[in-house]
Amino acid sequence: MPEGIPPISFTTPSPRGYLYACASVDPPRRAPFVRRSARREQALAQWRALAQNLTELNEVAAATVYEAVLIPPIEGGPRHDVLMLVQTTSPEELAAVPVEKLQADLVMPARNIRRIGDTDATTRGTFLFNHFTAPDPEAAVPVWDELAGWYTARTGVDNSTLLRARRGGRPVRVRQLRTAAGQRPPPSCSTRCSGPASTASCGPL
């Protein structure tokens, strides 16, 4: 831990199951800022309707659709501009989600292994999604633990949800965090909530 940075206090991981789905519909080629697109609007409408249908399933606790507003031009990095995060009542209930209807480029069943604060407290603000890979996924978790205190202290972010692909899935970690309305998000793939998010309405950025 860097000198002067207090150790982070983790929240108990969520017992829910997570399904993280992404699609590259009409992302910018080089520029980081995502402009409006008729193709993307059509895809968002379809995903919002599907999210609403998913929340009617007993196994689904929430389904939130996001649209990208900023994607860093990192060579080889993901260029997803439409995302959905589905939460089920438990990881075992993920099988009840009809993933074939998503038509996504990446569908990752996952569980929460680390949590700071409550990212789901509100749909207001800008949401940041990071993808992590490592040759040794288990060894990467302690490194994330070490960096978490420094990161929250430097950025002022008070929440973070770390997801790990379930056994048999791709060795990817996804971190989701929410910045306050008006707060400048850290550099990464930033998104805003788009349309029905469970029973909550999405507020302005």
N, C-alpha and C. Protein backbone atom coordinates (compact mmCIF):
# COMPACT_ATOMS: atom_id res chain seq x y z
N MET A 1 0.84 -1.19 0.00
CA MET A 1 0.00 0.00 0.00
C MET A 1 0.88 1.25 0.00
N PRO A 2 0.62 2.21 -0.93
CA PRO A 2 1.42 3.44 -0.94
C PRO A 2 1.35 4.17 0.39
N GLU A 3 2.44 4.85 0.75
CA GLU A 3 2.50 5.56 2.02
C GLU A 3 1.44 6.65 2.09
N GLY A 4 0.78 6.75 3.24
CA GLY A 4 -0.23 7.78 3.44
C GLY A 4 -1.62 7.40 2.98
N ILE A 5 -1.79 6.23 2.36
CA ILE A 5 -3.11 5.78 1.90
C ILE A 5 -3.65 4.75 2.89
N PRO A 6 -4.78 5.02 3.54
CA PRO A 6 -5.32 4.06 4.51
C PRO A 6 -5.85 2.82 3.82
N PRO A 7 -5.84 1.67 4.50
CA PRO A 7 -6.39 0.44 3.90
C PRO A 7 -7.88 0.61 3.63
N ILE A 8 -8.32 -0.02 2.56
CA ILE A 8 -9.71 0.09 2.15
C ILE A 8 -10.60 -0.82 2.99
N SER A 9 -11.83 -0.38 3.22
CA SER A 9 -12.81 -1.18 3.94
C SER A 9 -13.79 -1.77 2.92
N PHE A 10 -13.73 -3.06 2.74
CA PHE A 10 -14.58 -3.71 1.75
C PHE A 10 -15.95 -4.00 2.33
N THR A 11 -16.97 -3.92 1.46
CA THR A 11 -18.33 -4.31 1.80
C THR A 11 -18.48 -5.79 1.50
N THR A 12 -19.39 -6.47 2.20
CA THR A 12 -19.64 -7.89 1.92
C THR A 12 -20.07 -8.06 0.47
N PRO A 13 -19.46 -8.99 -0.27
CA PRO A 13 -19.86 -9.19 -1.67
C PRO A 13 -21.34 -9.52 -1.80
N SER A 14 -21.92 -9.11 -2.90
CA SER A 14 -23.33 -9.38 -3.14
C SER A 14 -23.53 -10.87 -3.39
N PRO A 15 -24.62 -11.45 -2.87
CA PRO A 15 -24.90 -12.87 -3.11
C PRO A 15 -25.55 -13.13 -4.46
N ARG A 16 -25.79 -12.09 -5.23
CA ARG A 16 -26.49 -12.23 -6.51
C ARG A 16 -25.59 -12.82 -7.59
N GLY A 17 -26.22 -13.31 -8.64
CA GLY A 17 -25.51 -13.69 -9.84
C GLY A 17 -25.52 -12.52 -10.81
N TYR A 18 -24.52 -12.44 -11.67
CA TYR A 18 -24.41 -11.33 -12.62
C TYR A 18 -24.23 -11.88 -14.03
N LEU A 19 -24.91 -11.27 -14.97
CA LEU A 19 -24.70 -11.57 -16.39
C LEU A 19 -24.33 -10.26 -17.07
N TYR A 20 -23.09 -10.20 -17.51
CA TYR A 20 -22.56 -8.98 -18.14
C TYR A 20 -22.52 -9.22 -19.64
N ALA A 21 -23.26 -8.39 -20.39
CA ALA A 21 -23.35 -8.56 -21.84
C ALA A 21 -22.99 -7.25 -22.53
N CYS A 22 -22.22 -7.34 -23.62
CA CYS A 22 -21.77 -6.15 -24.35
C CYS A 22 -21.88 -6.39 -25.85
N ALA A 23 -22.10 -5.30 -26.58
CA ALA A 23 -22.13 -5.37 -28.04
C ALA A 23 -21.47 -4.13 -28.62
N SER A 24 -20.76 -4.33 -29.73
CA SER A 24 -20.17 -3.23 -30.48
C SER A 24 -21.11 -2.95 -31.65
N VAL A 25 -22.01 -2.00 -31.46
CA VAL A 25 -23.02 -1.70 -32.47
C VAL A 25 -22.51 -0.66 -33.46
N ASP A 26 -22.13 0.50 -32.97
CA ASP A 26 -21.60 1.56 -33.83
C ASP A 26 -20.61 2.41 -33.04
N PRO A 27 -19.52 1.80 -32.57
CA PRO A 27 -18.56 2.54 -31.73
C PRO A 27 -17.71 3.48 -32.58
N PRO A 28 -17.14 4.50 -31.95
CA PRO A 28 -16.22 5.38 -32.70
C PRO A 28 -14.96 4.60 -33.09
N ARG A 29 -14.40 4.95 -34.23
CA ARG A 29 -13.22 4.23 -34.70
C ARG A 29 -11.97 4.63 -33.94
N ARG A 30 -11.79 5.94 -33.72
CA ARG A 30 -10.60 6.41 -33.04
C ARG A 30 -10.91 7.39 -31.92
N ALA A 31 -11.82 8.30 -32.18
CA ALA A 31 -12.14 9.32 -31.17
C ALA A 31 -12.73 8.66 -29.93
N PRO A 32 -12.41 9.18 -28.74
CA PRO A 32 -12.91 8.56 -27.51
C PRO A 32 -14.40 8.84 -27.25
N PHE A 33 -14.91 9.97 -27.73
CA PHE A 33 -16.29 10.33 -27.42
C PHE A 33 -17.25 9.66 -28.39
N VAL A 34 -18.34 9.15 -27.85
CA VAL A 34 -19.32 8.40 -28.63
C VAL A 34 -20.42 9.34 -29.09
N ARG A 35 -20.59 9.47 -30.41
CA ARG A 35 -21.62 10.33 -30.96
C ARG A 35 -22.93 9.54 -31.12
N ARG A 36 -24.02 10.27 -31.26
CA ARG A 36 -25.32 9.64 -31.43
C ARG A 36 -25.35 8.84 -32.73
N SER A 37 -26.12 7.76 -32.71
CA SER A 37 -26.16 6.86 -33.86
C SER A 37 -27.55 6.24 -33.94
N ALA A 38 -28.14 6.26 -35.15
CA ALA A 38 -29.45 5.63 -35.34
C ALA A 38 -29.38 4.13 -35.10
N ARG A 39 -28.27 3.51 -35.54
CA ARG A 39 -28.11 2.06 -35.32
C ARG A 39 -28.06 1.75 -33.84
N ARG A 40 -27.33 2.57 -33.09
CA ARG A 40 -27.23 2.32 -31.66
C ARG A 40 -28.56 2.56 -30.95
N GLU A 41 -29.27 3.61 -31.35
CA GLU A 41 -30.57 3.89 -30.75
C GLU A 41 -31.53 2.72 -30.95
N GLN A 42 -31.48 2.11 -32.14
CA GLN A 42 -32.33 0.96 -32.41
C GLN A 42 -31.95 -0.22 -31.52
N ALA A 43 -30.64 -0.46 -31.38
CA ALA A 43 -30.18 -1.55 -30.52
C ALA A 43 -30.56 -1.30 -29.07
N LEU A 44 -30.41 -0.04 -28.61
CA LEU A 44 -30.75 0.29 -27.24
C LEU A 44 -32.23 0.05 -26.97
N ALA A 45 -33.09 0.40 -27.94
CA ALA A 45 -34.52 0.18 -27.77
C ALA A 45 -34.82 -1.31 -27.63
N GLN A 46 -34.13 -2.14 -28.42
CA GLN A 46 -34.34 -3.59 -28.33
C GLN A 46 -33.85 -4.14 -26.99
N TRP A 47 -32.69 -3.66 -26.54
CA TRP A 47 -32.14 -4.15 -25.28
C TRP A 47 -32.96 -3.67 -24.09
N ARG A 48 -33.50 -2.44 -24.17
CA ARG A 48 -34.35 -1.95 -23.09
C ARG A 48 -35.62 -2.78 -22.97
N ALA A 49 -36.20 -3.13 -24.12
CA ALA A 49 -37.41 -3.96 -24.10
C ALA A 49 -37.09 -5.33 -23.52
N LEU A 50 -35.94 -5.89 -23.89
CA LEU A 50 -35.55 -7.19 -23.34
C LEU A 50 -35.30 -7.08 -21.84
N ALA A 51 -34.66 -6.00 -21.40
CA ALA A 51 -34.40 -5.82 -19.97
C ALA A 51 -35.71 -5.77 -19.19
N GLN A 52 -36.70 -5.08 -19.75
CA GLN A 52 -38.00 -5.00 -19.08
C GLN A 52 -38.63 -6.38 -18.97
N ASN A 53 -38.51 -7.18 -20.02
CA ASN A 53 -39.07 -8.55 -20.00
C ASN A 53 -38.33 -9.42 -18.98
N LEU A 54 -37.01 -9.22 -18.89
CA LEU A 54 -36.22 -10.04 -17.96
C LEU A 54 -36.61 -9.77 -16.51
N THR A 55 -36.95 -8.52 -16.19
CA THR A 55 -37.29 -8.19 -14.81
C THR A 55 -38.60 -8.83 -14.37
N GLU A 56 -39.36 -9.36 -15.33
CA GLU A 56 -40.60 -10.06 -14.99
C GLU A 56 -40.36 -11.50 -14.57
N LEU A 57 -39.13 -12.00 -14.79
CA LEU A 57 -38.79 -13.35 -14.35
C LEU A 57 -38.54 -13.35 -12.85
N ASN A 58 -39.00 -14.37 -12.16
CA ASN A 58 -38.79 -14.46 -10.71
C ASN A 58 -37.31 -14.53 -10.35
N GLU A 59 -36.50 -15.10 -11.24
CA GLU A 59 -35.09 -15.28 -10.94
C GLU A 59 -34.27 -14.00 -11.11
N VAL A 60 -34.83 -13.00 -11.78
CA VAL A 60 -34.08 -11.77 -12.10
C VAL A 60 -34.43 -10.67 -11.11
N ALA A 61 -33.39 -10.12 -10.47
CA ALA A 61 -33.59 -9.04 -9.50
C ALA A 61 -33.50 -7.66 -10.16
N ALA A 62 -32.71 -7.54 -11.22
CA ALA A 62 -32.55 -6.25 -11.90
C ALA A 62 -31.92 -6.49 -13.27
N ALA A 63 -32.23 -5.61 -14.21
CA ALA A 63 -31.61 -5.64 -15.54
C ALA A 63 -31.45 -4.20 -15.99
N THR A 64 -30.22 -3.78 -16.19
CA THR A 64 -29.93 -2.38 -16.50
C THR A 64 -29.18 -2.30 -17.82
N VAL A 65 -29.62 -1.38 -18.69
CA VAL A 65 -28.98 -1.16 -19.98
C VAL A 65 -28.17 0.12 -19.91
N TYR A 66 -26.97 0.10 -20.51
CA TYR A 66 -26.09 1.26 -20.53
C TYR A 66 -25.68 1.56 -21.96
N GLU A 67 -25.47 2.84 -22.24
CA GLU A 67 -24.90 3.24 -23.52
C GLU A 67 -23.59 3.98 -23.26
N ALA A 68 -22.60 3.69 -24.07
CA ALA A 68 -21.29 4.29 -23.87
C ALA A 68 -21.30 5.76 -24.24
N VAL A 69 -20.58 6.56 -23.47
CA VAL A 69 -20.38 7.97 -23.80
C VAL A 69 -18.91 8.27 -24.06
N LEU A 70 -18.04 7.37 -23.62
CA LEU A 70 -16.60 7.56 -23.83
C LEU A 70 -15.91 6.20 -23.85
N ILE A 71 -15.11 5.96 -24.89
CA ILE A 71 -14.33 4.72 -25.01
C ILE A 71 -12.90 5.11 -25.36
N PRO A 72 -11.94 4.91 -24.47
CA PRO A 72 -10.55 5.29 -24.77
C PRO A 72 -10.02 4.54 -26.00
N PRO A 73 -9.29 5.23 -26.87
CA PRO A 73 -8.75 4.57 -28.07
C PRO A 73 -7.54 3.72 -27.75
N ILE A 74 -7.76 2.62 -27.04
CA ILE A 74 -6.67 1.71 -26.66
C ILE A 74 -6.59 0.59 -27.68
N GLU A 75 -5.45 0.41 -28.28
CA GLU A 75 -5.28 -0.61 -29.30
C GLU A 75 -5.56 -1.99 -28.71
N GLY A 76 -6.46 -2.73 -29.35
CA GLY A 76 -6.80 -4.07 -28.90
C GLY A 76 -7.83 -4.09 -27.78
N GLY A 77 -8.24 -2.92 -27.27
CA GLY A 77 -9.21 -2.87 -26.19
C GLY A 77 -10.63 -3.06 -26.70
N PRO A 78 -11.56 -3.42 -25.82
CA PRO A 78 -12.95 -3.61 -26.23
C PRO A 78 -13.57 -2.30 -26.70
N ARG A 79 -14.46 -2.37 -27.69
CA ARG A 79 -15.12 -1.19 -28.24
C ARG A 79 -16.63 -1.33 -28.12
N HIS A 80 -17.10 -1.74 -26.96
CA HIS A 80 -18.52 -1.97 -26.76
C HIS A 80 -19.23 -0.65 -26.46
N ASP A 81 -20.30 -0.37 -27.20
CA ASP A 81 -21.05 0.86 -26.96
C ASP A 81 -22.46 0.62 -26.43
N VAL A 82 -22.86 -0.64 -26.30
CA VAL A 82 -24.14 -1.01 -25.68
C VAL A 82 -23.87 -2.13 -24.69
N LEU A 83 -24.34 -1.97 -23.46
CA LEU A 83 -24.08 -2.96 -22.41
C LEU A 83 -25.36 -3.24 -21.63
N MET A 84 -25.41 -4.43 -21.06
CA MET A 84 -26.48 -4.77 -20.14
C MET A 84 -25.90 -5.55 -18.97
N LEU A 85 -26.36 -5.23 -17.77
CA LEU A 85 -25.96 -5.96 -16.58
C LEU A 85 -27.23 -6.52 -15.94
N VAL A 86 -27.32 -7.83 -15.94
CA VAL A 86 -28.47 -8.53 -15.35
C VAL A 86 -28.04 -9.10 -14.01
N GLN A 87 -28.86 -8.90 -12.99
CA GLN A 87 -28.60 -9.47 -11.68
C GLN A 87 -29.70 -10.47 -11.35
N THR A 88 -29.28 -11.69 -10.99
CA THR A 88 -30.23 -12.71 -10.59
C THR A 88 -30.18 -12.89 -9.07
N THR A 89 -31.19 -13.53 -8.53
CA THR A 89 -31.28 -13.67 -7.08
C THR A 89 -30.13 -14.47 -6.50
N SER A 90 -29.50 -15.31 -7.30
CA SER A 90 -28.32 -16.07 -6.88
C SER A 90 -27.55 -16.48 -8.13
N PRO A 91 -26.27 -16.83 -8.01
CA PRO A 91 -25.52 -17.27 -9.18
C PRO A 91 -26.13 -18.50 -9.85
N GLU A 92 -26.77 -19.35 -9.07
CA GLU A 92 -27.37 -20.57 -9.63
C GLU A 92 -28.52 -20.25 -10.57
N GLU A 93 -29.15 -19.07 -10.41
CA GLU A 93 -30.30 -18.71 -11.23
C GLU A 93 -29.90 -18.09 -12.57
N LEU A 94 -28.61 -17.94 -12.84
CA LEU A 94 -28.17 -17.37 -14.10
C LEU A 94 -28.63 -18.19 -15.30
N ALA A 95 -28.80 -19.48 -15.09
CA ALA A 95 -29.23 -20.35 -16.18
C ALA A 95 -30.62 -19.99 -16.69
N ALA A 96 -31.40 -19.26 -15.90
CA ALA A 96 -32.76 -18.90 -16.30
C ALA A 96 -32.80 -17.73 -17.27
N VAL A 97 -31.66 -17.03 -17.45
CA VAL A 97 -31.62 -15.86 -18.33
C VAL A 97 -31.41 -16.33 -19.77
N PRO A 98 -32.31 -15.97 -20.69
CA PRO A 98 -32.18 -16.40 -22.09
C PRO A 98 -31.10 -15.61 -22.83
N VAL A 99 -29.86 -16.01 -22.65
CA VAL A 99 -28.74 -15.23 -23.19
C VAL A 99 -28.76 -15.18 -24.72
N GLU A 100 -29.38 -16.16 -25.37
CA GLU A 100 -29.38 -16.18 -26.83
C GLU A 100 -30.13 -14.99 -27.43
N LYS A 101 -31.02 -14.37 -26.64
CA LYS A 101 -31.78 -13.22 -27.14
C LYS A 101 -30.96 -11.93 -27.13
N LEU A 102 -29.83 -11.94 -26.46
CA LEU A 102 -29.05 -10.72 -26.35
C LEU A 102 -28.31 -10.38 -27.63
N GLN A 103 -27.89 -11.38 -28.39
CA GLN A 103 -27.09 -11.17 -29.60
C GLN A 103 -25.91 -10.24 -29.31
N ALA A 104 -25.19 -10.60 -28.25
CA ALA A 104 -24.07 -9.77 -27.79
C ALA A 104 -22.74 -10.35 -28.26
N ASP A 105 -21.72 -9.49 -28.27
CA ASP A 105 -20.37 -9.92 -28.61
C ASP A 105 -19.70 -10.63 -27.43
N LEU A 106 -20.07 -10.23 -26.24
CA LEU A 106 -19.53 -10.84 -25.02
C LEU A 106 -20.67 -11.05 -24.04
N VAL A 107 -20.82 -12.29 -23.57
CA VAL A 107 -21.78 -12.61 -22.51
C VAL A 107 -21.02 -13.34 -21.42
N MET A 108 -20.94 -12.75 -20.25
CA MET A 108 -20.13 -13.31 -19.17
C MET A 108 -20.96 -13.54 -17.91
N PRO A 109 -21.28 -14.78 -17.60
CA PRO A 109 -21.88 -15.07 -16.29
C PRO A 109 -20.82 -14.86 -15.22
N ALA A 110 -21.17 -14.20 -14.13
CA ALA A 110 -20.16 -13.84 -13.14
C ALA A 110 -20.75 -13.79 -11.74
N ARG A 111 -19.85 -13.62 -10.79
CA ARG A 111 -20.26 -13.38 -9.42
C ARG A 111 -19.40 -12.25 -8.85
N ASN A 112 -19.88 -11.65 -7.81
CA ASN A 112 -19.18 -10.53 -7.18
C ASN A 112 -18.18 -11.06 -6.15
N ILE A 113 -16.91 -10.69 -6.31
CA ILE A 113 -15.89 -11.18 -5.39
C ILE A 113 -15.31 -10.08 -4.49
N ARG A 114 -15.47 -8.82 -4.87
CA ARG A 114 -15.05 -7.70 -4.05
C ARG A 114 -16.06 -6.57 -4.26
N ARG A 115 -16.31 -5.82 -3.17
CA ARG A 115 -17.26 -4.71 -3.29
C ARG A 115 -16.88 -3.59 -2.34
N ILE A 116 -16.97 -2.37 -2.84
CA ILE A 116 -16.76 -1.18 -2.04
C ILE A 116 -18.03 -0.34 -2.15
N GLY A 117 -18.67 -0.03 -1.04
CA GLY A 117 -19.88 0.77 -1.08
C GLY A 117 -20.99 0.07 -1.84
N ASP A 118 -21.89 0.86 -2.44
CA ASP A 118 -23.05 0.32 -3.15
C ASP A 118 -23.18 1.00 -4.51
N THR A 119 -22.68 0.33 -5.54
CA THR A 119 -22.76 0.87 -6.89
C THR A 119 -24.20 0.98 -7.36
N ASP A 120 -25.08 0.12 -6.85
CA ASP A 120 -26.47 0.08 -7.29
C ASP A 120 -27.37 1.05 -6.52
N ALA A 121 -26.79 1.92 -5.70
CA ALA A 121 -27.60 2.80 -4.87
C ALA A 121 -28.47 3.74 -5.70
N THR A 122 -28.01 4.11 -6.89
CA THR A 122 -28.77 5.00 -7.76
C THR A 122 -28.33 4.78 -9.20
N THR A 123 -29.20 5.13 -10.15
CA THR A 123 -28.83 5.06 -11.56
C THR A 123 -28.37 6.41 -12.08
N ARG A 124 -28.30 7.42 -11.19
CA ARG A 124 -27.80 8.72 -11.59
C ARG A 124 -26.28 8.72 -11.64
N GLY A 125 -25.72 9.52 -12.55
CA GLY A 125 -24.29 9.60 -12.66
C GLY A 125 -23.78 8.85 -13.86
N THR A 126 -22.48 8.76 -13.97
CA THR A 126 -21.82 8.05 -15.05
C THR A 126 -21.21 6.78 -14.48
N PHE A 127 -21.35 5.68 -15.21
CA PHE A 127 -20.84 4.40 -14.76
C PHE A 127 -19.60 4.01 -15.58
N LEU A 128 -18.64 3.49 -14.90
CA LEU A 128 -17.37 3.11 -15.51
C LEU A 128 -17.23 1.59 -15.48
N PHE A 129 -16.87 1.01 -16.62
CA PHE A 129 -16.63 -0.43 -16.70
C PHE A 129 -15.19 -0.67 -17.16
N ASN A 130 -14.43 -1.40 -16.37
CA ASN A 130 -13.07 -1.81 -16.72
C ASN A 130 -13.03 -3.31 -16.95
N HIS A 131 -12.25 -3.74 -17.95
CA HIS A 131 -12.00 -5.16 -18.17
C HIS A 131 -10.57 -5.47 -17.75
N PHE A 132 -10.37 -6.57 -17.03
CA PHE A 132 -9.04 -6.99 -16.59
C PHE A 132 -8.82 -8.44 -17.00
N THR A 133 -7.64 -8.75 -17.48
CA THR A 133 -7.23 -10.13 -17.70
C THR A 133 -5.85 -10.31 -17.08
N ALA A 134 -5.52 -11.54 -16.72
CA ALA A 134 -4.22 -11.83 -16.12
C ALA A 134 -3.86 -13.28 -16.38
N PRO A 135 -2.56 -13.59 -16.55
CA PRO A 135 -2.16 -14.98 -16.74
C PRO A 135 -2.60 -15.86 -15.58
N ASP A 136 -2.56 -15.31 -14.38
CA ASP A 136 -2.99 -16.04 -13.18
C ASP A 136 -4.13 -15.24 -12.54
N PRO A 137 -5.40 -15.58 -12.86
CA PRO A 137 -6.53 -14.80 -12.34
C PRO A 137 -6.57 -14.72 -10.82
N GLU A 138 -6.17 -15.79 -10.13
CA GLU A 138 -6.22 -15.77 -8.67
C GLU A 138 -5.20 -14.80 -8.09
N ALA A 139 -4.04 -14.71 -8.72
CA ALA A 139 -3.00 -13.81 -8.22
C ALA A 139 -3.35 -12.36 -8.48
N ALA A 140 -4.26 -12.10 -9.42
CA ALA A 140 -4.62 -10.73 -9.75
C ALA A 140 -5.49 -10.08 -8.68
N VAL A 141 -6.22 -10.87 -7.92
CA VAL A 141 -7.14 -10.32 -6.92
C VAL A 141 -6.40 -9.57 -5.81
N PRO A 142 -5.33 -10.14 -5.21
CA PRO A 142 -4.59 -9.37 -4.20
C PRO A 142 -4.01 -8.07 -4.73
N VAL A 143 -3.62 -8.05 -6.01
CA VAL A 143 -3.11 -6.82 -6.60
C VAL A 143 -4.22 -5.78 -6.65
N TRP A 144 -5.44 -6.21 -7.03
CA TRP A 144 -6.58 -5.29 -7.06
C TRP A 144 -6.87 -4.77 -5.65
N ASP A 145 -6.77 -5.64 -4.66
CA ASP A 145 -6.99 -5.21 -3.28
C ASP A 145 -6.02 -4.11 -2.88
N GLU A 146 -4.74 -4.27 -3.28
CA GLU A 146 -3.73 -3.28 -2.93
C GLU A 146 -4.01 -1.94 -3.59
N LEU A 147 -4.45 -1.98 -4.84
CA LEU A 147 -4.67 -0.75 -5.59
C LEU A 147 -5.97 -0.06 -5.23
N ALA A 148 -6.93 -0.80 -4.66
CA ALA A 148 -8.26 -0.25 -4.40
C ALA A 148 -8.21 0.96 -3.47
N GLY A 149 -7.41 0.88 -2.41
CA GLY A 149 -7.31 1.99 -1.47
C GLY A 149 -6.73 3.23 -2.12
N TRP A 150 -5.66 3.04 -2.90
CA TRP A 150 -5.04 4.17 -3.59
C TRP A 150 -6.00 4.79 -4.58
N TYR A 151 -6.72 3.95 -5.33
CA TYR A 151 -7.61 4.43 -6.37
C TYR A 151 -8.76 5.26 -5.79
N THR A 152 -9.41 4.74 -4.76
CA THR A 152 -10.54 5.46 -4.17
C THR A 152 -10.08 6.77 -3.52
N ALA A 153 -8.89 6.74 -2.92
CA ALA A 153 -8.38 7.97 -2.28
C ALA A 153 -8.05 9.04 -3.31
N ARG A 154 -7.51 8.65 -4.45
CA ARG A 154 -7.09 9.61 -5.46
C ARG A 154 -8.26 10.13 -6.29
N THR A 155 -9.27 9.31 -6.53
CA THR A 155 -10.37 9.70 -7.41
C THR A 155 -11.61 10.19 -6.66
N GLY A 156 -11.73 9.85 -5.37
CA GLY A 156 -12.90 10.24 -4.61
C GLY A 156 -14.10 9.34 -4.85
N VAL A 157 -13.92 8.25 -5.59
CA VAL A 157 -15.01 7.31 -5.85
C VAL A 157 -15.25 6.48 -4.60
N ASP A 158 -16.50 6.32 -4.20
CA ASP A 158 -16.82 5.61 -2.96
C ASP A 158 -17.49 4.26 -3.19
N ASN A 159 -17.42 3.75 -4.43
CA ASN A 159 -18.06 2.46 -4.71
C ASN A 159 -17.33 1.74 -5.84
N SER A 160 -17.39 0.43 -5.81
CA SER A 160 -16.79 -0.37 -6.87
C SER A 160 -17.28 -1.81 -6.71
N THR A 161 -17.62 -2.44 -7.82
CA THR A 161 -18.10 -3.82 -7.79
C THR A 161 -17.23 -4.63 -8.74
N LEU A 162 -16.49 -5.58 -8.21
CA LEU A 162 -15.59 -6.41 -9.01
C LEU A 162 -16.27 -7.75 -9.30
N LEU A 163 -16.40 -8.06 -10.58
CA LEU A 163 -17.03 -9.30 -11.01
C LEU A 163 -15.98 -10.26 -11.57
N ARG A 164 -16.15 -11.54 -11.26
CA ARG A 164 -15.28 -12.56 -11.82
C ARG A 164 -16.13 -13.56 -12.58
N ALA A 165 -15.67 -13.92 -13.78
CA ALA A 165 -16.38 -14.91 -14.57
C ALA A 165 -16.51 -16.21 -13.79
N ARG A 166 -17.69 -16.83 -13.88
CA ARG A 166 -17.89 -18.10 -13.18
C ARG A 166 -17.03 -19.17 -13.81
N ARG A 167 -16.86 -20.26 -13.10
CA ARG A 167 -16.00 -21.36 -13.55
C ARG A 167 -16.42 -21.80 -14.95
N GLY A 168 -15.44 -21.96 -15.81
CA GLY A 168 -15.71 -22.37 -17.17
C GLY A 168 -15.85 -21.19 -18.12
N GLY A 169 -15.95 -19.97 -17.58
CA GLY A 169 -16.07 -18.79 -18.41
C GLY A 169 -14.70 -18.23 -18.78
N ARG A 170 -14.70 -17.10 -19.48
CA ARG A 170 -13.44 -16.47 -19.88
C ARG A 170 -12.76 -15.88 -18.65
N PRO A 171 -11.41 -15.90 -18.61
CA PRO A 171 -10.68 -15.38 -17.44
C PRO A 171 -10.65 -13.86 -17.42
N VAL A 172 -11.83 -13.26 -17.28
CA VAL A 172 -11.95 -11.80 -17.32
C VAL A 172 -12.52 -11.31 -16.00
N ARG A 173 -11.99 -10.19 -15.52
CA ARG A 173 -12.59 -9.47 -14.39
C ARG A 173 -13.19 -8.19 -14.95
N VAL A 174 -14.36 -7.84 -14.46
CA VAL A 174 -15.00 -6.60 -14.85
C VAL A 174 -15.27 -5.80 -13.60
N ARG A 175 -14.84 -4.55 -13.59
CA ARG A 175 -15.11 -3.67 -12.47
C ARG A 175 -16.12 -2.62 -12.91
N GLN A 176 -17.17 -2.47 -12.12
CA GLN A 176 -18.17 -1.44 -12.36
C GLN A 176 -18.13 -0.45 -11.20
N LEU A 177 -18.16 0.83 -11.51
CA LEU A 177 -18.27 1.84 -10.46
C LEU A 177 -19.11 2.99 -10.97
N ARG A 178 -19.65 3.75 -10.03
CA ARG A 178 -20.51 4.89 -10.36
C ARG A 178 -19.86 6.16 -9.85
N THR A 179 -19.81 7.17 -10.73
CA THR A 179 -19.34 8.48 -10.30
C THR A 179 -20.56 9.36 -10.03
N ALA A 180 -20.40 10.33 -9.16
CA ALA A 180 -21.51 11.21 -8.83
C ALA A 180 -21.86 12.09 -10.01
N ALA A 181 -23.12 12.55 -10.05
CA ALA A 181 -23.55 13.43 -11.12
C ALA A 181 -22.65 14.66 -11.16
N GLY A 182 -22.09 14.93 -12.34
CA GLY A 182 -21.20 16.08 -12.48
C GLY A 182 -19.75 15.78 -12.20
N GLN A 183 -19.45 14.61 -11.62
CA GLN A 183 -18.06 14.26 -11.32
C GLN A 183 -17.40 13.72 -12.57
N ARG A 184 -16.20 14.13 -12.83
CA ARG A 184 -15.47 13.67 -14.00
C ARG A 184 -15.05 12.22 -13.80
N PRO A 185 -15.46 11.30 -14.72
CA PRO A 185 -15.11 9.90 -14.55
C PRO A 185 -13.64 9.64 -14.83
N PRO A 186 -13.04 8.66 -14.16
CA PRO A 186 -11.68 8.27 -14.48
C PRO A 186 -11.61 7.77 -15.92
N PRO A 187 -10.43 7.79 -16.56
CA PRO A 187 -10.33 7.39 -17.96
C PRO A 187 -10.54 5.90 -18.15
N SER A 188 -11.61 5.54 -18.81
CA SER A 188 -11.90 4.16 -19.18
C SER A 188 -13.21 4.19 -19.94
N CYS A 189 -13.83 3.02 -20.14
CA CYS A 189 -15.11 2.99 -20.84
C CYS A 189 -16.20 3.51 -19.91
N SER A 190 -16.72 4.69 -20.19
CA SER A 190 -17.73 5.30 -19.35
C SER A 190 -19.08 5.19 -20.03
N THR A 191 -20.11 4.91 -19.25
CA THR A 191 -21.43 4.71 -19.80
C THR A 191 -22.45 5.46 -18.95
N ARG A 192 -23.63 5.64 -19.52
CA ARG A 192 -24.74 6.17 -18.75
C ARG A 192 -25.89 5.18 -18.83
N CYS A 193 -26.73 5.20 -17.83
CA CYS A 193 -27.88 4.31 -17.80
C CYS A 193 -28.82 4.69 -18.93
N SER A 194 -29.40 3.69 -19.60
CA SER A 194 -30.26 3.96 -20.74
C SER A 194 -31.56 3.21 -20.60
N GLY A 195 -32.64 3.93 -20.32
CA GLY A 195 -33.95 3.31 -20.29
C GLY A 195 -34.23 2.56 -19.01
N PRO A 196 -35.23 1.67 -19.01
CA PRO A 196 -35.68 1.00 -17.80
C PRO A 196 -34.56 0.23 -17.12
N ALA A 197 -34.37 0.51 -15.85
CA ALA A 197 -33.39 -0.20 -15.04
C ALA A 197 -34.15 -0.82 -13.89
N SER A 198 -34.55 -2.05 -14.07
CA SER A 198 -35.44 -2.69 -13.10
C SER A 198 -36.66 -1.79 -12.95
N THR A 199 -36.99 -1.34 -11.76
CA THR A 199 -38.14 -0.47 -11.59
C THR A 199 -37.71 0.98 -11.40
N ALA A 200 -36.41 1.25 -11.51
CA ALA A 200 -35.92 2.60 -11.29
C ALA A 200 -35.87 3.36 -12.60
N SER A 201 -36.04 4.66 -12.55
CA SER A 201 -35.90 5.48 -13.75
C SER A 201 -34.50 6.07 -13.78
N CYS A 202 -33.98 6.28 -14.98
CA CYS A 202 -32.61 6.76 -15.12
C CYS A 202 -32.58 8.26 -15.09
N GLY A 203 -31.70 8.80 -14.28
CA GLY A 203 -31.60 10.24 -14.16
C GLY A 203 -30.59 10.79 -15.14
N PRO A 204 -30.46 12.13 -15.20
CA PRO A 204 -29.51 12.76 -16.12
C PRO A 204 -28.08 12.55 -15.66
N LEU A 205 -27.15 12.72 -16.60
CA LEU A 205 -25.73 12.63 -16.23
C LEU A 205 -25.35 13.81 -15.36
